[in-house]
Each structure stands twice: as structure tokens, then as C-alpha cells.
């Protein structure tokens, strides 16, 4: 294939990706509009005014807890790729975790960001890929564990008119849960390496995996509670059911590749969880939660990335002077 043909092919792929996400955005917008009913977006304003400052502050605390879990996962994995003491840094793991979620979800985008962020700390491309892979696995596994266990006990609460969809979600969740348990068992006490598509992936020990998955589970539970505390008391479902339902729909939304499931998760929540909660109240809670748990952290991580870039340039200049 000629260079010109390769360029056109890459351009076509980019165009297809843009079209896909535009279509997703339009469909999400239509779903949210339909869920709000005749009152439309104007019904959200009174719902915003009903939110108490105390509830917003409590939601912000749950966001801090969720990101503390992300940093913990990153720090635990850093110990696997660094010989000797782990660098005493919190900013770099926060920036890496947050911006990788903001750019999408998965080891590819996360690896590229980590290669850039961790280079001044002596972590090369192989280590960055390992960090991104283990972080993605731990975080996604946390959501799957909540979904699988909750579904098994009937805590997944979707719109009753969906019928078989809830049963299918239970089957899928259980299958993923079994796969995670099997992987932990195969990892054993000392970890194990796997070759997938001619690439060698190294899994930590079973104990280390359990610790990371536990942190991932805490992250998902904290995120769901952060939305829950913003809901009005009247008609609010049991907290365990809400955590399981939020986790299941967030896992589904992340599969689209949308950054943090942005838009897709909100549309799924409004479309598939119709119950005693007013759509406007749920929408207001989702918007405030998204600002606290996605927009604000990404902005802070962007500032942190700029600070790390400045530090990296100073490290490089100091090395050149030696």
C-alpha cells in the first residue's frame, strides 16, 4: 500500500471515529430529552435549586475517596515496575489516572499518557504499558465484581418493562465474574506471564490482584454513593441497589470508549432506571456528580500535567549540565 493510500486510510478511520461519537452524542441527547418529558431542560433548574450545599459537599468527599483508590492502584502497580524504592509522588499517579479516564478508557490511551508523564521518573514504555493495563483491569474488574455479585442477589434494578435485558445482564456479569476469579486463581502466589497476540503480559500475584480489585471496587462504590447523596429522600432506592445499578450501567457506557462514559452513562441511567425518582432530580444529580467527579478532576489533572512537564524539563536540563 502506498504512503498516500495509508494516509487516506488513516484519515478515513479518524472520520469514522468522529461520525461514531457524533452519532452517540446525538442519540444520548435525544434519550435524555425524551426522559425529561414535555417540561424539557427547564425542569432541571428547580431540581438544581433543591440540592443542598451539604449534599454537594458530601458528594465531593466521595469523589476524593474514589480518586484516592485510583492513586492507590497506580502506586501499588508502580512498585512492580521500579527497582528499589517507589518515587514519593502522588501528583503523577493522579494525573496519569485522571487524564487516561478523560481521554477514554483502556490501556492504549492510558499507556501513551503514562509514557509521557512517568519518563522523568525512570519508567519506560514497557512499565507505562504495564501500569495502564493493570489500572484498567483493576478498575473495570471493580465494576464487574459489584455488578456480578449484586445481580446474583437481585440488586440490579432496571426498568421493569425491559424484561430479558436484566436477566441477560445477570448472565454477562456472572460470566465476567467467573473470568476474574479464574484469572486470580491462575496468577497464583507469585504472579504469571501470559502471551496475547504475540505480546507478553505479566500479571501480579493473586494477593496483589485482589488488593487492586478491592481498590477498584471501592472506587465504583464511592462514585455511586456520590450520586446517591444528591438524590432527594423521597423515592430514593436502597443504596445497595443503586450502587449495583450505577456500576452495571457505567460498565456498559465505558465499553463505548466515550471518556468516562460521558453522556452515554447519563442517557442509560435516565432511560433504563425509570421508577419513583423524578427525571429532573436524577438529571440534576448526574450533572453535579459529573462536574465533581469528571470535569473538575480533569481540569486539576491538566494543571498537574503542566507542572510535571515543567519539572521534567528541569530534570532534563540538570542532567545535561552534569
Protein backbone atom coordinates (compact mmCIF):
# COMPACT_ATOMS: atom_id res chain seq x y z
CA UNK A 1 0.00 0.00 0.00
CA UNK A 2 1.41 3.41 -0.96
CA UNK A 3 2.01 6.18 1.59
CA UNK A 4 -0.83 8.22 0.08
CA UNK A 5 -3.18 5.26 0.45
CA UNK A 6 -2.10 4.77 4.08
CA UNK A 7 -2.77 8.44 4.80
CA UNK A 8 -6.21 8.22 3.25
CA UNK A 9 -6.92 5.05 5.21
CA UNK A 10 -5.92 6.70 8.48
CA UNK A 11 -7.97 9.76 7.58
CA UNK A 12 -10.96 7.54 6.85
CA UNK A 13 -10.62 5.82 10.22
CA UNK A 14 -10.49 9.15 12.02
CA UNK A 15 -13.56 10.31 10.11
CA UNK A 16 -15.40 7.10 11.05
CA UNK A 17 -14.50 7.59 14.73
CA UNK A 18 -15.76 11.20 14.65
CA UNK A 19 -19.01 10.13 12.97
CA UNK A 20 -19.48 7.38 15.56
CA UNK A 21 -19.07 9.73 18.52
CA UNK A 22 -21.27 12.40 16.95
CA UNK A 23 -23.97 9.77 16.45
CA UNK A 24 -23.54 8.61 20.07
CA UNK A 25 -23.82 12.20 21.30
CA UNK A 26 -26.99 12.82 19.28
CA UNK A 27 -28.60 9.59 20.48
CA UNK A 28 -27.69 10.36 24.09
CA UNK A 29 -29.13 13.86 23.77
CA UNK A 30 -32.37 12.52 22.33
CA UNK A 31 -32.63 9.88 25.07
CA UNK A 32 -32.10 12.47 27.81
CA UNK A 33 -34.63 14.83 26.21
CA UNK A 34 -37.21 12.05 25.93
CA UNK A 35 -36.67 11.08 29.58
CA UNK A 36 -37.25 14.64 30.80
CA UNK A 37 -40.64 14.72 29.10
CA UNK A 38 -42.62 17.79 27.97
CA UNK A 39 -41.02 20.09 30.58
CA UNK A 40 -37.65 19.54 28.96
CA UNK A 41 -34.41 21.09 30.16
CA UNK A 42 -36.25 23.83 32.06
CA UNK A 43 -37.38 21.26 34.62
CA UNK A 44 -33.76 20.76 35.72
CA UNK A 45 -33.35 24.29 37.13
CA UNK A 46 -35.78 23.81 40.08
CA UNK A 47 -34.08 20.44 40.75
CA UNK A 48 -30.71 22.21 40.96
CA UNK A 49 -32.12 24.72 43.43
CA UNK A 50 -33.35 21.87 45.65
CA UNK A 51 -29.83 20.47 46.05
CA UNK A 52 -28.40 21.29 49.47
CA UNK A 53 -24.81 22.53 49.92
CA UNK A 54 -24.30 19.73 52.45
CA UNK A 55 -25.22 17.06 49.89
CA UNK A 56 -22.87 18.60 47.31
CA UNK A 57 -20.05 18.73 49.87
CA UNK A 58 -20.65 15.09 50.83
CA UNK A 59 -20.61 14.13 47.15
CA UNK A 60 -17.28 15.92 46.79
CA UNK A 61 -15.89 13.85 49.69
CA UNK A 62 -16.89 10.62 47.92
CA UNK A 63 -15.08 11.85 44.80
CA UNK A 64 -11.90 12.35 46.83
CA UNK A 65 -12.29 8.79 48.15
CA UNK A 66 -12.78 7.46 44.61
CA UNK A 67 -9.63 9.14 43.31
CA UNK A 68 -7.67 8.05 46.37
CA UNK A 69 -8.50 4.49 45.28
CA UNK A 70 -7.23 5.24 41.74
CA UNK A 71 -3.97 6.62 43.10
CA UNK A 72 -3.64 3.57 45.36
CA UNK A 73 -3.98 1.22 42.38
CA UNK A 74 -1.35 3.19 40.48
CA UNK A 75 1.06 3.28 43.40
CA UNK A 76 0.74 -0.47 44.01
CA UNK A 77 1.50 -1.16 40.35
CA UNK A 78 4.44 1.25 40.30
CA UNK A 79 6.17 -0.95 42.87
CA UNK A 80 6.15 -3.75 40.27
CA UNK A 81 7.99 -1.77 37.59
CA UNK A 82 10.57 0.11 39.65
CA UNK A 83 13.69 -1.47 41.10
CA UNK A 84 14.19 -0.02 44.53
CA UNK A 85 12.03 2.48 46.41
CA UNK A 86 8.94 3.84 44.67
CA UNK A 87 9.24 7.59 43.99
CA UNK A 88 7.40 9.55 46.69
CA UNK A 89 4.89 11.10 44.28
CA UNK A 90 1.13 11.42 44.46
CA UNK A 91 0.67 14.03 41.73
CA UNK A 92 1.96 11.83 38.88
CA UNK A 93 -0.36 8.86 39.63
CA UNK A 94 -3.32 11.24 39.99
CA UNK A 95 -2.53 12.95 36.68
CA UNK A 96 -1.96 9.65 34.87
CA UNK A 97 -5.14 8.02 36.18
CA UNK A 98 -7.37 11.05 35.70
CA UNK A 99 -6.22 12.06 32.23
CA UNK A 100 -6.36 8.47 30.95
CA UNK A 101 -10.02 8.34 32.03
CA UNK A 102 -10.57 11.76 30.49
CA UNK A 103 -9.07 10.67 27.17
CA UNK A 104 -11.02 7.41 27.01
CA UNK A 105 -10.88 4.10 28.80
CA UNK A 106 -8.29 1.44 28.20
CA UNK A 107 -4.62 0.57 28.14
CA UNK A 108 -3.90 2.26 24.79
CA UNK A 109 -4.73 5.87 25.70
CA UNK A 110 -3.51 5.28 29.25
CA UNK A 111 -0.16 3.93 28.05
CA UNK A 112 0.54 6.92 25.81
CA UNK A 113 -0.17 9.35 28.64
CA UNK A 114 1.88 7.42 31.17
CA UNK A 115 4.89 7.19 28.86
CA UNK A 116 4.96 10.98 28.81
CA UNK A 117 4.20 11.53 32.49
CA UNK A 118 6.50 8.91 34.00
CA UNK A 119 9.56 9.39 31.78
CA UNK A 120 11.24 11.80 34.26
CA UNK A 121 10.82 9.19 36.99
CA UNK A 122 12.68 6.50 35.08
CA UNK A 123 9.64 4.45 33.99
CA UNK A 124 9.97 3.46 30.33
CA UNK A 125 7.34 2.45 27.74
CA UNK A 126 7.14 -1.16 28.96
CA UNK A 127 6.48 -0.03 32.52
CA UNK A 128 3.94 2.55 31.35
CA UNK A 129 2.02 -0.10 29.39
CA UNK A 130 2.04 -2.36 32.46
CA UNK A 131 0.70 0.44 34.65
CA UNK A 132 -2.06 1.30 32.18
CA UNK A 133 -3.04 -2.35 31.72
CA UNK A 134 -3.20 -3.16 35.42
CA UNK A 135 -5.06 0.08 36.22
CA UNK A 136 -7.63 -0.63 33.51
CA UNK A 137 -8.04 -4.22 34.65
CA UNK A 138 -8.37 -3.31 38.34
CA UNK A 139 -10.86 -0.52 37.73
CA UNK A 140 -13.01 -2.44 35.26
CA UNK A 141 -12.89 -5.53 37.47
CA UNK A 142 -14.18 -3.48 40.40
CA UNK A 143 -17.29 -2.51 38.46
CA UNK A 144 -17.79 -6.06 37.19
CA UNK A 145 -17.47 -7.51 40.71
CA UNK A 146 -20.17 -5.16 42.03
CA UNK A 147 -22.40 -5.92 39.04
CA UNK A 148 -21.89 -9.68 39.20
CA UNK A 149 -22.41 -10.03 42.96
CA UNK A 150 -25.28 -7.55 43.03
CA UNK A 151 -27.02 -9.18 40.08
CA UNK A 152 -26.70 -12.61 41.69
CA UNK A 153 -28.59 -11.28 44.73
CA UNK A 154 -31.20 -9.42 42.65
CA UNK A 155 -29.93 -5.91 43.45
CA UNK A 156 -29.78 -4.78 39.80
CA UNK A 157 -32.81 -2.52 39.34
CA UNK A 158 -33.66 -1.65 35.76
CA UNK A 159 -36.95 -0.57 34.23
CA UNK A 160 -39.37 -3.49 34.62
CA UNK A 161 -40.55 -3.15 31.02
CA UNK A 162 -37.10 -4.25 29.79
CA UNK A 163 -37.79 -7.86 30.77
CA UNK A 164 -35.00 -10.12 29.46
CA UNK A 165 -32.38 -7.34 29.50
CA UNK A 166 -31.99 -7.62 33.26
CA UNK A 167 -31.63 -11.41 33.06
CA UNK A 168 -29.05 -11.02 30.28
CA UNK A 169 -27.11 -8.51 32.39
CA UNK A 170 -27.02 -11.02 35.22
CA UNK A 171 -25.64 -13.73 32.93
CA UNK A 172 -22.99 -11.44 31.44
CA UNK A 173 -22.00 -10.13 34.88
CA UNK A 174 -21.72 -13.65 36.27
CA UNK A 175 -19.59 -14.75 33.30
CA UNK A 176 -17.18 -11.85 33.76
CA UNK A 177 -17.10 -12.52 37.49
CA UNK A 178 -16.10 -16.15 36.89
CA UNK A 179 -13.41 -14.99 34.45
CA UNK A 180 -11.92 -12.63 37.05
CA UNK A 181 -11.91 -15.35 39.72
CA UNK A 182 -10.23 -17.72 37.25
CA UNK A 183 -7.54 -15.15 36.41
CA UNK A 184 -6.81 -14.56 40.09
CA UNK A 185 -6.53 -18.31 40.64
CA UNK A 186 -4.21 -18.74 37.65
CA UNK A 187 -1.97 -15.86 38.81
CA UNK A 188 -1.10 -17.85 41.90
CA UNK A 189 1.13 -16.74 44.74
CA UNK A 190 3.93 -15.32 42.58
CA UNK A 191 2.14 -13.99 39.51
CA UNK A 192 2.32 -15.27 35.98
CA UNK A 193 3.06 -14.09 32.44
CA UNK A 194 0.67 -14.51 29.52
CA UNK A 195 1.24 -14.14 25.79
CA UNK A 196 -1.67 -12.50 23.99
CA UNK A 197 -1.38 -11.57 20.29
CA UNK A 198 2.40 -12.03 20.49
CA UNK A 199 2.62 -9.65 23.46
CA UNK A 200 3.71 -10.81 26.89
CA UNK A 201 1.53 -9.56 29.73
CA UNK A 202 2.66 -10.00 33.30
CA UNK A 203 0.00 -10.47 35.98
CA UNK A 204 0.78 -9.70 39.64
CA UNK A 205 0.28 -12.33 42.33
CA UNK A 206 -3.23 -13.32 43.38
CA UNK A 207 -2.92 -11.30 46.58
CA UNK A 208 -1.78 -8.20 44.68
CA UNK A 209 -4.63 -8.59 42.18
CA UNK A 210 -7.17 -8.90 44.97
CA UNK A 211 -5.84 -5.72 46.58
CA UNK A 212 -6.07 -3.80 43.32
CA UNK A 213 -9.56 -5.12 42.51
CA UNK A 214 -10.63 -4.20 46.05
CA UNK A 215 -9.45 -0.63 45.45
CA UNK A 216 -11.28 -0.62 42.10
CA UNK A 217 -14.46 -1.83 43.78
CA UNK A 218 -14.16 0.92 46.38
CA UNK A 219 -13.76 3.46 43.56
CA UNK A 220 -17.01 2.37 41.88
CA UNK A 221 -18.94 2.24 45.14
CA UNK A 222 -17.72 5.73 46.10
CA UNK A 223 -18.72 7.12 42.71
CA UNK A 224 -22.23 5.66 43.00
CA UNK A 225 -22.65 6.96 46.56
CA UNK A 226 -21.56 10.39 45.29
CA UNK A 227 -24.63 10.42 43.01
CA UNK A 228 -26.89 8.83 45.63
CA UNK A 229 -26.39 11.55 48.24
CA UNK A 230 -27.52 14.15 45.69
CA UNK A 231 -30.91 12.49 45.20
CA UNK A 232 -33.97 13.60 47.17
CA UNK A 233 -35.02 11.37 50.05
CA UNK A 234 -38.47 10.83 48.57
CA UNK A 235 -38.40 7.90 46.16
CA UNK A 236 -34.68 7.21 46.62
CA UNK A 237 -33.96 3.47 46.10
CA UNK A 238 -31.95 1.36 48.58
CA UNK A 239 -28.29 2.36 48.46
CA UNK A 240 -27.02 -1.15 47.64
CA UNK A 241 -29.42 -1.48 44.70
CA UNK A 242 -28.37 1.94 43.46
CA UNK A 243 -24.65 1.12 43.65
CA UNK A 244 -25.15 -2.11 41.70
CA UNK A 245 -27.31 -0.44 39.04
CA UNK A 246 -24.92 2.50 38.60
CA UNK A 247 -21.97 0.11 38.31
CA UNK A 248 -23.70 -2.04 35.69
CA UNK A 249 -24.67 0.92 33.51
CA UNK A 250 -21.27 2.57 33.90
CA UNK A 251 -19.51 -0.61 32.77
CA UNK A 252 -21.79 -0.63 29.71
CA UNK A 253 -21.14 3.05 28.98
CA UNK A 254 -17.35 2.65 29.22
CA UNK A 255 -17.47 -0.05 26.55
CA UNK A 256 -18.38 2.65 24.01
CA UNK A 257 -14.97 4.27 24.54
CA UNK A 258 -16.56 7.61 25.49
CA UNK A 259 -14.35 9.40 28.05
CA UNK A 260 -15.62 8.25 31.43
CA UNK A 261 -18.82 7.10 29.68
CA UNK A 262 -19.71 10.79 29.31
CA UNK A 263 -23.26 11.23 28.04
CA UNK A 264 -23.80 7.52 27.48
CA UNK A 265 -23.99 6.75 31.20
CA UNK A 266 -26.42 9.61 31.84
CA UNK A 267 -28.65 8.51 28.96
CA UNK A 268 -28.67 4.92 30.22
CA UNK A 269 -29.49 5.99 33.77
CA UNK A 270 -32.42 8.12 32.66
CA UNK A 271 -33.72 5.61 30.11
CA UNK A 272 -33.28 2.32 31.97
CA UNK A 273 -33.96 3.17 35.61
CA UNK A 274 -37.42 4.72 35.40
CA UNK A 275 -39.00 4.50 38.82
CA UNK A 276 -40.10 6.70 41.67
CA UNK A 277 -37.42 9.35 41.13
CA UNK A 278 -38.35 12.39 39.05
CA UNK A 279 -36.17 12.52 35.88
CA UNK A 280 -35.30 16.17 36.60
CA UNK A 281 -33.99 15.31 40.08
CA UNK A 282 -31.92 12.42 38.71
CA UNK A 283 -30.59 14.60 35.87
CA UNK A 284 -29.54 17.36 38.27
CA UNK A 285 -27.75 14.82 40.46
CA UNK A 286 -25.99 13.29 37.45
CA UNK A 287 -24.83 16.69 36.18
CA UNK A 288 -23.47 17.84 39.54
CA UNK A 289 -21.79 14.46 40.06
CA UNK A 290 -20.22 14.63 36.60
CA UNK A 291 -18.81 18.09 37.32
CA UNK A 292 -17.37 16.94 40.64
CA UNK A 293 -16.08 13.53 39.52
CA UNK A 294 -15.02 14.22 35.92
CA UNK A 295 -14.76 17.86 34.85
CA UNK A 296 -13.06 19.23 37.98
CA UNK A 297 -10.53 16.35 38.32
CA UNK A 298 -9.62 16.53 34.62
CA UNK A 299 -9.00 20.28 34.91
CA UNK A 300 -6.87 19.75 38.03
CA UNK A 301 -5.00 16.90 36.33
CA UNK A 302 -4.34 19.15 33.34
CA UNK A 303 -2.75 21.72 35.63
CA UNK A 304 -0.83 18.92 37.31
CA UNK A 305 0.41 17.69 33.93
CA UNK A 306 1.72 21.17 33.14
CA UNK A 307 3.56 21.19 36.48
CA UNK A 308 5.07 17.76 35.79
CA UNK A 309 6.17 18.92 32.32
CA UNK A 310 7.96 21.87 33.91
CA UNK A 311 9.62 19.55 36.44
CA UNK A 312 10.61 17.17 33.65
CA UNK A 313 12.29 19.98 31.72
CA UNK A 314 14.21 20.98 34.86
CA UNK A 315 15.34 17.37 35.37
CA UNK A 316 16.49 17.20 31.75
CA UNK A 317 18.37 20.48 31.99
CA UNK A 318 20.09 19.37 35.17
CA UNK A 319 21.17 16.08 33.52
CA UNK A 320 22.59 17.98 30.52
CA UNK A 321 24.64 20.22 32.81
CA UNK A 322 26.29 17.25 34.55
